[in-house]
Amino acid sequence: NATNKFEETRMSVKNFINAKSKDEIIFTKNATESMNLVATTFGQQNIEKGDEILVTELEHHSNYVPWHFLRERKGAIIKFAPINEDGDIITDELKKLITSKTKIVAVTHLSNVTGTIVPIKEIVEIAHKKNVPVLVDGCQAVPHIKVDVIDLDCDFYAFSGHKVYGPTGVGVLYAKK
């Protein structure tokens, strides 16, 4: 019975963010753990010395610290996409920062500091043109914006249950199959 309820919840989350499969939904204890999971699995396997991780100046600690530690372990480089005076990401500058050494773009969907709604679809398109996967920190967006991971085409999307008025101690990591 408990297993059935657990899998029903996985289906509910799949439907909530419009994932293709319930197998793309991974439960963690919070969004920070979800982003750490990407850094310690994908990052550990795919990022080497001199490779680049692209984040923005808008990032919450939970989407910066895992990459900081990976950088220290692997000798990678973290680049920061700048924001303008209004708090918006300068996408033309972000585009210039993606090189053949860029292995992942990790970006917030909505800043909890400035209120900026980041143009995720545009960033994903830019990154995917260069075969770079994108992790989205969706913690602040999920309670305020209809999230459709198929439409966004992101590779990873993380959020916490309590942000959508669910229980504390529950995180979600969507990982595109």
Protein backbone atom coordinates (compact mmCIF):
# COMPACT_ATOMS: atom_id res chain seq x y z
CA ASN A 1 0.00 0.00 0.00
CA ALA A 2 2.81 2.42 0.90
CA THR A 3 4.64 1.63 -2.35
CA ASN A 4 1.46 2.25 -4.34
CA LYS A 5 0.97 5.64 -2.63
CA PHE A 6 4.59 6.53 -3.30
CA GLU A 7 4.23 5.70 -7.01
CA GLU A 8 0.91 7.59 -7.19
CA THR A 9 2.74 10.61 -5.82
CA ARG A 10 5.44 10.19 -8.46
CA MET A 11 2.67 10.22 -11.11
CA SER A 12 1.14 13.34 -9.55
CA VAL A 13 4.48 15.15 -9.71
CA LYS A 14 5.02 13.92 -13.29
CA ASN A 15 1.65 15.42 -14.25
CA PHE A 16 2.27 18.61 -12.23
CA ILE A 17 5.42 19.49 -14.21
CA ASN A 18 4.36 17.67 -17.41
CA ALA A 19 7.22 15.19 -17.52
CA LYS A 20 7.06 12.42 -20.12
CA SER A 21 7.53 9.58 -17.65
CA LYS A 22 7.24 8.94 -13.92
CA ASP A 23 10.72 7.44 -14.23
CA GLU A 24 12.05 10.98 -14.73
CA ILE A 25 10.95 11.95 -11.20
CA ILE A 26 13.46 11.39 -8.40
CA PHE A 27 12.54 12.13 -4.79
CA THR A 28 15.16 13.68 -2.53
CA LYS A 29 14.97 15.40 0.85
CA ASN A 30 15.02 18.93 -0.66
CA ALA A 31 15.98 20.90 -3.75
CA THR A 32 19.51 21.44 -2.46
CA GLU A 33 20.00 17.68 -2.35
CA SER A 34 18.55 17.45 -5.86
CA MET A 35 21.10 19.92 -7.22
CA ASN A 36 23.88 18.24 -5.24
CA LEU A 37 22.81 14.95 -6.81
CA VAL A 38 23.29 16.39 -10.31
CA ALA A 39 26.68 17.85 -9.37
CA THR A 40 27.90 14.60 -7.82
CA THR A 41 26.60 12.27 -10.52
CA PHE A 42 26.48 14.10 -13.86
CA GLY A 43 29.21 16.50 -12.77
CA GLN A 44 31.52 13.83 -11.43
CA GLN A 45 31.20 11.79 -14.64
CA ASN A 46 31.30 14.60 -17.19
CA ILE A 47 33.36 17.48 -15.81
CA GLU A 48 37.15 17.39 -15.87
CA LYS A 49 39.98 19.79 -15.12
CA GLY A 50 39.57 22.99 -17.14
CA ASP A 51 35.93 22.30 -18.03
CA GLU A 52 33.43 25.06 -17.40
CA ILE A 53 30.26 25.33 -15.33
CA LEU A 54 28.06 28.31 -16.20
CA VAL A 55 25.84 29.83 -13.54
CA THR A 56 24.37 33.33 -13.23
CA GLU A 57 24.79 36.18 -10.80
CA LEU A 58 21.21 35.45 -9.64
CA GLU A 59 21.87 32.01 -8.17
CA HIS A 60 20.82 30.93 -4.71
CA HIS A 61 23.50 29.27 -2.60
CA SER A 62 21.95 25.85 -3.22
CA ASN A 63 22.65 26.17 -6.95
CA TYR A 64 26.14 27.53 -6.51
CA VAL A 65 27.73 25.59 -3.64
CA PRO A 66 27.52 22.12 -5.28
CA TRP A 67 29.32 23.49 -8.35
CA HIS A 68 31.86 25.28 -6.15
CA PHE A 69 32.78 21.99 -4.45
CA LEU A 70 32.88 20.15 -7.77
CA ARG A 71 35.18 22.87 -9.13
CA GLU A 72 37.52 22.34 -6.17
CA ARG A 73 37.52 18.55 -6.59
CA LYS A 74 37.90 18.48 -10.35
CA GLY A 75 39.75 21.69 -11.19
CA ALA A 76 36.84 23.05 -13.23
CA ILE A 77 36.06 26.70 -13.85
CA ILE A 78 32.84 28.46 -12.85
CA LYS A 79 31.69 31.31 -15.07
CA PHE A 80 28.98 33.79 -14.10
CA ALA A 81 26.49 35.15 -16.63
CA PRO A 82 25.94 38.81 -15.70
CA ILE A 83 22.69 40.60 -14.98
CA ASN A 84 21.69 44.13 -15.94
CA GLU A 85 20.48 46.95 -13.67
CA ASP A 86 16.94 45.55 -13.74
CA GLY A 87 18.16 42.16 -12.50
CA ASP A 88 17.66 40.41 -15.84
CA ILE A 89 20.21 37.99 -17.26
CA ILE A 90 22.01 39.45 -20.24
CA THR A 91 21.38 36.53 -22.58
CA ASP A 92 23.77 37.85 -25.26
CA GLU A 93 26.56 37.73 -22.65
CA LEU A 94 25.46 34.27 -21.48
CA LYS A 95 25.64 33.08 -25.08
CA LYS A 96 29.24 34.36 -25.38
CA LEU A 97 30.25 32.51 -22.20
CA ILE A 98 29.30 29.07 -23.56
CA THR A 99 32.34 27.45 -25.13
CA SER A 100 33.41 23.95 -26.14
CA LYS A 101 34.58 23.56 -22.52
CA THR A 102 31.14 24.32 -21.02
CA LYS A 103 29.66 21.11 -19.58
CA ILE A 104 26.53 22.42 -17.84
CA VAL A 105 24.46 25.56 -17.39
CA ALA A 106 22.84 25.82 -13.94
CA VAL A 107 20.29 28.59 -13.63
CA THR A 108 17.42 29.70 -11.44
CA HIS A 109 13.94 29.97 -12.96
CA LEU A 110 12.84 32.83 -10.71
CA SER A 111 15.08 34.83 -8.41
CA ASN A 112 13.95 35.04 -4.80
CA VAL A 113 16.02 38.23 -4.43
CA THR A 114 15.02 40.32 -7.45
CA GLY A 115 11.83 38.61 -8.61
CA THR A 116 13.37 38.16 -12.05
CA ILE A 117 11.71 35.48 -14.16
CA VAL A 118 14.53 33.98 -16.17
CA PRO A 119 13.88 33.14 -19.86
CA ILE A 120 14.57 29.44 -19.40
CA LYS A 121 13.39 28.36 -22.87
CA GLU A 122 15.76 30.84 -24.50
CA ILE A 123 18.68 29.77 -22.30
CA VAL A 124 17.98 26.09 -22.97
CA GLU A 125 17.88 26.76 -26.73
CA ILE A 126 21.20 28.62 -26.55
CA ALA A 127 22.83 25.85 -24.48
CA HIS A 128 21.39 22.95 -26.48
CA LYS A 129 22.70 24.44 -29.74
CA LYS A 130 26.13 23.71 -28.27
CA ASN A 131 25.05 20.35 -26.75
CA VAL A 132 25.23 21.68 -23.20
CA PRO A 133 22.67 20.39 -20.68
CA VAL A 134 20.74 22.74 -18.41
CA LEU A 135 19.82 22.37 -14.74
CA VAL A 136 17.04 24.65 -13.53
CA ASP A 137 16.56 25.61 -9.88
CA GLY A 138 12.77 25.86 -9.88
CA CYS A 139 12.17 26.42 -6.17
CA GLN A 140 10.79 29.92 -6.47
CA ALA A 141 9.04 29.39 -9.83
CA VAL A 142 7.04 26.25 -9.09
CA PRO A 143 4.49 27.92 -6.77
CA HIS A 144 4.01 30.90 -9.09
CA ILE A 145 4.45 29.73 -12.70
CA LYS A 146 2.99 26.77 -14.59
CA VAL A 147 6.05 24.59 -15.13
CA ASP A 148 6.14 22.38 -18.22
CA VAL A 149 9.49 20.60 -18.45
CA ILE A 150 8.69 19.28 -21.93
CA ASP A 151 8.06 22.81 -23.18
CA LEU A 152 11.12 24.18 -21.36
CA ASP A 153 13.20 21.27 -22.71
CA CYS A 154 15.55 21.48 -19.70
CA ASP A 155 17.57 18.45 -18.74
CA PHE A 156 17.14 18.77 -14.97
CA TYR A 157 14.60 20.68 -12.86
CA ALA A 158 14.73 20.82 -9.05
CA PHE A 159 12.27 22.05 -6.44
CA SER A 160 11.15 21.46 -2.86
CA GLY A 161 7.78 20.13 -1.69
CA HIS A 162 7.26 22.82 0.92
CA LYS A 163 7.39 25.52 -1.77
CA VAL A 164 4.19 24.08 -3.24
CA TYR A 165 2.57 23.71 0.19
CA GLY A 166 3.56 20.08 0.52
CA PRO A 167 5.49 18.50 3.36
CA THR A 168 8.94 19.62 4.40
CA GLY A 169 11.75 17.16 3.83
CA VAL A 170 10.68 16.35 0.27
CA GLY A 171 12.54 17.45 -2.83
CA VAL A 172 12.03 16.65 -6.48
CA LEU A 173 14.58 16.24 -9.20
CA TYR A 174 13.29 15.89 -12.72
CA ALA A 175 15.93 14.30 -14.96
CA LYS A 176 15.14 14.01 -18.65
CA LYS A 177 15.30 10.38 -19.75
